[in-house]
Amino acid sequence: MLALAREAIAQFEGVTEAEFAARRLYQASLAWYLLGIGEAAARVSDPSRALVPGVPWTRVVGTRHIISHEHDRLAPGKLWRVLRVHLPHMVEALEATVHLLPAKPDTAG
């Protein structure tokens, strides 16, 4: 989640809101990042989510569902707000608490 959010923010550094709104490719690219972030968030356990209260887990996963099922109705203004407001807040919350999360379990068998 953290890596994808950082990458999404960096990808659009220097892009204005007007440019973003005019380019469907930009909107689709951000939607792809949000899908990945939502998929990752869905796999975080409830106990781990409780360690990072600054992330609106239900909304992150819900955004993924909206994008995947209503991709034809994406609103550039809403995507822009996610990019410039919500993702930076999520990055801050994750950076401040990621050390509290358990290491990824060994699934090698």
Protein backbone atom coordinates (compact mmCIF):
# COMPACT_ATOMS: atom_id res chain seq x y z
CA MET A 1 0.00 0.00 0.00
CA LEU A 2 2.70 2.41 1.04
CA ALA A 3 4.86 1.77 -2.01
CA LEU A 4 1.93 2.12 -4.42
CA ALA A 5 0.67 5.30 -2.75
CA ARG A 6 4.15 6.86 -2.87
CA GLU A 7 4.53 5.86 -6.51
CA ALA A 8 1.13 7.28 -7.46
CA ILE A 9 1.92 10.60 -5.82
CA ALA A 10 5.33 10.76 -7.52
CA GLN A 11 3.88 9.77 -10.90
CA PHE A 12 1.72 12.88 -10.96
CA GLU A 13 4.19 15.33 -9.49
CA GLY A 14 4.07 18.47 -11.60
CA VAL A 15 0.72 17.58 -13.19
CA THR A 16 -1.91 20.26 -12.74
CA GLU A 17 -5.54 19.55 -11.98
CA ALA A 18 -6.50 20.85 -15.43
CA GLU A 19 -4.01 18.52 -17.12
CA PHE A 20 -5.22 15.61 -15.04
CA ALA A 21 -8.86 16.34 -15.88
CA ALA A 22 -8.07 16.58 -19.60
CA ARG A 23 -6.15 13.29 -19.85
CA ARG A 24 -8.17 10.09 -19.49
CA LEU A 25 -4.85 8.22 -19.44
CA TYR A 26 -3.89 10.00 -16.20
CA GLN A 27 -7.23 9.12 -14.63
CA ALA A 28 -6.96 5.46 -15.67
CA SER A 29 -3.41 5.29 -14.36
CA LEU A 30 -4.41 6.65 -10.96
CA ALA A 31 -7.38 4.27 -10.90
CA TRP A 32 -4.95 1.37 -11.44
CA TYR A 33 -2.89 2.50 -8.44
CA LEU A 34 -6.02 2.81 -6.32
CA LEU A 35 -7.10 -0.70 -7.31
CA GLY A 36 -3.75 -2.05 -6.13
CA ILE A 37 -3.89 -0.09 -2.90
CA GLY A 38 -7.42 -1.33 -2.23
CA GLU A 39 -6.46 -4.94 -2.95
CA ALA A 40 -3.56 -4.69 -0.52
CA ALA A 41 -5.76 -3.05 2.11
CA ALA A 42 -8.30 -5.85 1.83
CA ARG A 43 -5.60 -8.34 2.84
CA VAL A 44 -4.64 -6.50 6.03
CA SER A 45 -6.03 -8.24 9.10
CA ASP A 46 -8.31 -6.46 11.55
CA PRO A 47 -5.68 -6.59 14.35
CA SER A 48 -3.12 -4.99 12.01
CA ARG A 49 -5.64 -2.37 10.86
CA ALA A 50 -6.17 -1.42 14.50
CA LEU A 51 -2.45 -0.58 14.72
CA VAL A 52 -2.84 2.02 11.95
CA PRO A 53 -5.97 3.99 12.85
CA GLY A 54 -5.02 6.86 10.55
CA VAL A 55 -5.96 4.82 7.47
CA PRO A 56 -9.68 4.74 6.63
CA TRP A 57 -9.54 1.03 5.80
CA THR A 58 -13.19 0.59 4.84
CA ARG A 59 -13.05 3.58 2.49
CA VAL A 60 -9.80 2.42 0.88
CA VAL A 61 -11.27 -1.01 0.15
CA GLY A 62 -14.59 0.58 -0.86
CA THR A 63 -12.82 2.84 -3.35
CA ARG A 64 -11.30 -0.25 -4.94
CA HIS A 65 -14.78 -1.77 -5.35
CA ILE A 66 -16.20 1.41 -6.86
CA ILE A 67 -13.35 1.70 -9.35
CA SER A 68 -13.52 -1.93 -10.40
CA HIS A 69 -17.30 -1.98 -10.85
CA GLU A 70 -18.02 1.57 -12.00
CA HIS A 71 -14.85 2.47 -13.91
CA ASP A 72 -16.92 4.09 -16.62
CA ARG A 73 -18.19 6.66 -14.12
CA LEU A 74 -14.91 7.87 -12.63
CA ALA A 75 -15.03 11.55 -11.76
CA PRO A 76 -11.74 13.32 -12.45
CA GLY A 77 -12.35 15.79 -9.61
CA LYS A 78 -12.80 13.01 -7.08
CA LEU A 79 -9.75 11.16 -8.33
CA TRP A 80 -7.75 14.37 -8.07
CA ARG A 81 -8.86 14.86 -4.47
CA VAL A 82 -7.82 11.31 -3.62
CA LEU A 83 -4.43 11.95 -5.21
CA ARG A 84 -3.72 15.29 -3.59
CA VAL A 85 -5.49 14.93 -0.22
CA HIS A 86 -6.25 11.36 0.77
CA LEU A 87 -3.15 9.54 -0.51
CA PRO A 88 -0.71 11.91 1.21
CA HIS A 89 -2.62 11.48 4.50
CA MET A 90 -2.53 7.71 4.09
CA VAL A 91 1.19 7.78 3.38
CA GLU A 92 1.77 9.82 6.55
CA ALA A 93 -0.30 7.43 8.65
CA LEU A 94 1.44 4.37 7.25
CA GLU A 95 4.93 5.84 7.56
CA ALA A 96 4.28 6.74 11.19
CA THR A 97 3.06 3.28 12.17
CA VAL A 98 4.36 0.74 9.64
CA HIS A 99 6.99 -0.38 12.14
CA LEU A 100 4.16 -1.63 14.38
CA LEU A 101 2.81 -4.04 11.77
CA PRO A 102 3.85 -7.69 11.86
CA ALA A 103 6.30 -8.92 9.27
CA LYS A 104 4.77 -10.65 6.30
CA PRO A 105 4.20 -14.30 7.24
CA ASP A 106 6.45 -16.88 5.65
CA THR A 107 4.35 -18.79 3.14
CA ALA A 108 7.22 -20.84 1.71
CA GLY A 109 6.01 -23.87 3.46
